[in-house]
N, C-alpha and C. Protein backbone atom coordinates (compact mmCIF):
# COMPACT_ATOMS: atom_id res chain seq x y z
N MET A 1 -6.79 12.69 -1.31
CA MET A 1 -5.65 12.00 -0.78
C MET A 1 -4.75 11.60 -1.95
N LYS A 2 -3.45 11.83 -1.77
CA LYS A 2 -2.48 11.51 -2.81
C LYS A 2 -1.76 10.22 -2.47
N ASP A 3 -1.47 9.40 -3.48
CA ASP A 3 -0.73 8.17 -3.23
C ASP A 3 0.66 8.21 -3.85
N ASN A 4 1.09 9.40 -4.29
CA ASN A 4 2.40 9.51 -4.92
C ASN A 4 3.37 10.38 -4.10
N VAL A 5 3.16 10.47 -2.81
CA VAL A 5 4.03 11.25 -1.95
C VAL A 5 5.08 10.35 -1.31
N SER A 6 6.19 10.95 -0.91
CA SER A 6 7.23 10.18 -0.22
C SER A 6 7.91 11.07 0.80
N THR A 7 8.57 10.42 1.75
CA THR A 7 9.34 11.15 2.75
C THR A 7 10.65 11.60 2.11
N PRO A 8 11.34 12.56 2.72
CA PRO A 8 12.66 12.95 2.20
C PRO A 8 13.63 11.77 2.13
N GLY A 9 13.42 10.77 3.00
CA GLY A 9 14.29 9.60 3.01
C GLY A 9 13.91 8.53 2.01
N GLY A 10 12.78 8.70 1.32
CA GLY A 10 12.41 7.76 0.27
C GLY A 10 11.32 6.76 0.59
N VAL A 11 10.66 6.87 1.73
CA VAL A 11 9.55 5.97 2.04
C VAL A 11 8.29 6.49 1.36
N SER A 12 7.59 5.60 0.69
CA SER A 12 6.35 5.98 0.01
C SER A 12 5.37 4.81 0.08
N VAL A 13 4.15 5.05 -0.38
CA VAL A 13 3.16 3.98 -0.46
C VAL A 13 3.76 2.89 -1.35
N GLY A 14 3.74 1.66 -0.84
CA GLY A 14 4.31 0.54 -1.57
C GLY A 14 5.67 0.10 -1.06
N THR A 15 6.30 0.94 -0.24
CA THR A 15 7.60 0.56 0.34
C THR A 15 7.41 -0.64 1.27
N GLY A 16 8.28 -1.60 1.18
CA GLY A 16 8.21 -2.78 2.03
C GLY A 16 8.59 -2.47 3.47
N ARG A 17 8.10 -3.30 4.37
CA ARG A 17 8.35 -3.12 5.80
C ARG A 17 9.85 -3.09 6.11
N GLU A 18 10.62 -4.03 5.56
CA GLU A 18 12.06 -4.09 5.82
C GLU A 18 12.78 -2.85 5.31
N ARG A 19 12.41 -2.39 4.13
CA ARG A 19 13.04 -1.19 3.55
C ARG A 19 12.70 0.04 4.38
N ALA A 20 11.47 0.14 4.85
CA ALA A 20 11.07 1.27 5.70
C ALA A 20 11.92 1.29 6.97
N ALA A 21 12.16 0.13 7.55
CA ALA A 21 12.99 0.05 8.76
C ALA A 21 14.42 0.48 8.46
N GLU A 22 14.95 0.09 7.31
CA GLU A 22 16.31 0.50 6.92
C GLU A 22 16.40 2.02 6.78
N LEU A 23 15.37 2.63 6.21
CA LEU A 23 15.39 4.07 5.94
C LEU A 23 15.07 4.92 7.17
N LEU A 24 14.18 4.43 8.04
CA LEU A 24 13.70 5.24 9.16
C LEU A 24 14.18 4.79 10.53
N GLY A 25 14.70 3.58 10.63
CA GLY A 25 15.10 3.06 11.93
C GLY A 25 13.92 2.50 12.69
N SER A 26 14.14 2.21 13.95
CA SER A 26 13.10 1.61 14.80
C SER A 26 12.05 2.64 15.18
N PRO A 27 10.77 2.29 15.06
CA PRO A 27 9.71 3.21 15.46
C PRO A 27 9.56 3.28 16.98
N ASN A 28 8.93 4.34 17.45
CA ASN A 28 8.61 4.47 18.87
C ASN A 28 7.48 3.53 19.26
N LEU A 29 6.57 3.27 18.34
CA LEU A 29 5.47 2.34 18.54
C LEU A 29 5.44 1.40 17.35
N GLN A 30 5.44 0.10 17.61
CA GLN A 30 5.44 -0.87 16.52
C GLN A 30 4.35 -1.90 16.75
N LEU A 31 3.28 -1.80 15.96
CA LEU A 31 2.19 -2.76 15.98
C LEU A 31 2.22 -3.53 14.66
N GLU A 32 1.42 -4.55 14.53
CA GLU A 32 1.40 -5.35 13.31
C GLU A 32 1.09 -4.50 12.07
N SER A 33 0.13 -3.59 12.19
CA SER A 33 -0.27 -2.82 11.02
C SER A 33 0.10 -1.33 11.10
N GLU A 34 0.77 -0.91 12.16
CA GLU A 34 1.12 0.51 12.30
C GLU A 34 2.47 0.68 12.99
N TRP A 35 3.26 1.57 12.42
CA TRP A 35 4.50 2.04 13.07
C TRP A 35 4.36 3.53 13.26
N SER A 36 4.76 4.04 14.42
CA SER A 36 4.71 5.47 14.69
C SER A 36 6.06 5.97 15.19
N TYR A 37 6.42 7.14 14.71
CA TYR A 37 7.67 7.81 15.08
C TYR A 37 7.32 9.16 15.70
N LEU A 38 7.80 9.41 16.91
CA LEU A 38 7.58 10.70 17.56
C LEU A 38 8.62 11.69 17.05
N LEU A 39 8.15 12.82 16.54
CA LEU A 39 9.02 13.85 15.97
C LEU A 39 8.72 15.18 16.64
N GLY A 40 9.17 15.32 17.88
CA GLY A 40 8.88 16.55 18.62
C GLY A 40 7.39 16.67 18.89
N GLU A 41 6.76 17.67 18.31
CA GLU A 41 5.33 17.90 18.53
C GLU A 41 4.45 17.19 17.52
N THR A 42 5.03 16.36 16.68
CA THR A 42 4.25 15.63 15.69
C THR A 42 4.56 14.13 15.76
N THR A 43 3.66 13.36 15.19
CA THR A 43 3.84 11.92 15.06
C THR A 43 3.70 11.55 13.60
N PHE A 44 4.68 10.80 13.10
CA PHE A 44 4.63 10.28 11.74
C PHE A 44 4.28 8.81 11.83
N SER A 45 3.22 8.40 11.15
CA SER A 45 2.76 7.01 11.22
C SER A 45 2.73 6.36 9.85
N LEU A 46 3.14 5.10 9.83
CA LEU A 46 3.04 4.27 8.63
C LEU A 46 2.03 3.18 8.93
N TYR A 47 1.13 2.92 8.00
CA TYR A 47 0.14 1.86 8.14
C TYR A 47 0.42 0.82 7.07
N PHE A 48 0.50 -0.44 7.48
CA PHE A 48 0.90 -1.53 6.59
C PHE A 48 -0.25 -2.48 6.29
N ALA A 49 -0.19 -3.05 5.10
CA ALA A 49 -1.03 -4.17 4.70
C ALA A 49 -0.18 -5.01 3.75
N ASP A 50 -0.18 -6.30 3.95
CA ASP A 50 0.64 -7.21 3.13
C ASP A 50 2.11 -6.82 3.15
N ASP A 51 2.59 -6.37 4.32
CA ASP A 51 3.99 -5.99 4.54
C ASP A 51 4.47 -4.84 3.67
N LYS A 52 3.54 -4.00 3.20
CA LYS A 52 3.90 -2.80 2.43
C LYS A 52 3.14 -1.60 2.98
N VAL A 53 3.75 -0.42 2.87
CA VAL A 53 3.09 0.81 3.32
C VAL A 53 1.86 1.05 2.45
N LYS A 54 0.73 1.19 3.10
CA LYS A 54 -0.52 1.48 2.40
C LYS A 54 -0.98 2.92 2.63
N PHE A 55 -0.52 3.53 3.75
CA PHE A 55 -0.97 4.87 4.11
C PHE A 55 0.06 5.48 5.04
N MET A 56 0.28 6.78 4.91
CA MET A 56 1.17 7.53 5.80
C MET A 56 0.41 8.71 6.36
N ALA A 57 0.70 9.06 7.62
CA ALA A 57 0.02 10.20 8.24
C ALA A 57 1.00 10.98 9.13
N LEU A 58 0.84 12.28 9.13
CA LEU A 58 1.59 13.17 10.01
C LEU A 58 0.57 13.94 10.83
N THR A 59 0.62 13.77 12.15
CA THR A 59 -0.36 14.42 13.02
C THR A 59 0.34 15.23 14.11
N LYS A 60 -0.30 16.28 14.54
CA LYS A 60 0.22 17.12 15.61
C LYS A 60 -0.22 16.53 16.95
N ASN A 61 0.73 16.36 17.85
CA ASN A 61 0.44 15.83 19.18
C ASN A 61 -0.24 16.92 20.03
N LEU A 62 -1.21 16.52 20.82
CA LEU A 62 -1.92 17.46 21.69
C LEU A 62 -1.26 17.54 23.03
């Protein structure tokens, strides 16, 4: 697992919650520790701890 990746828009591990919202807009699902964005047949998820991105995942929807 790599911790030095980022989205084309600039979100990476360590990005603050407010900055992620500025860059990506409102998520389709917003929980305390997870935001998810539906992207056609995939879902992009951000997982937060201490109001910063700790993990990002891109999964294919079934």
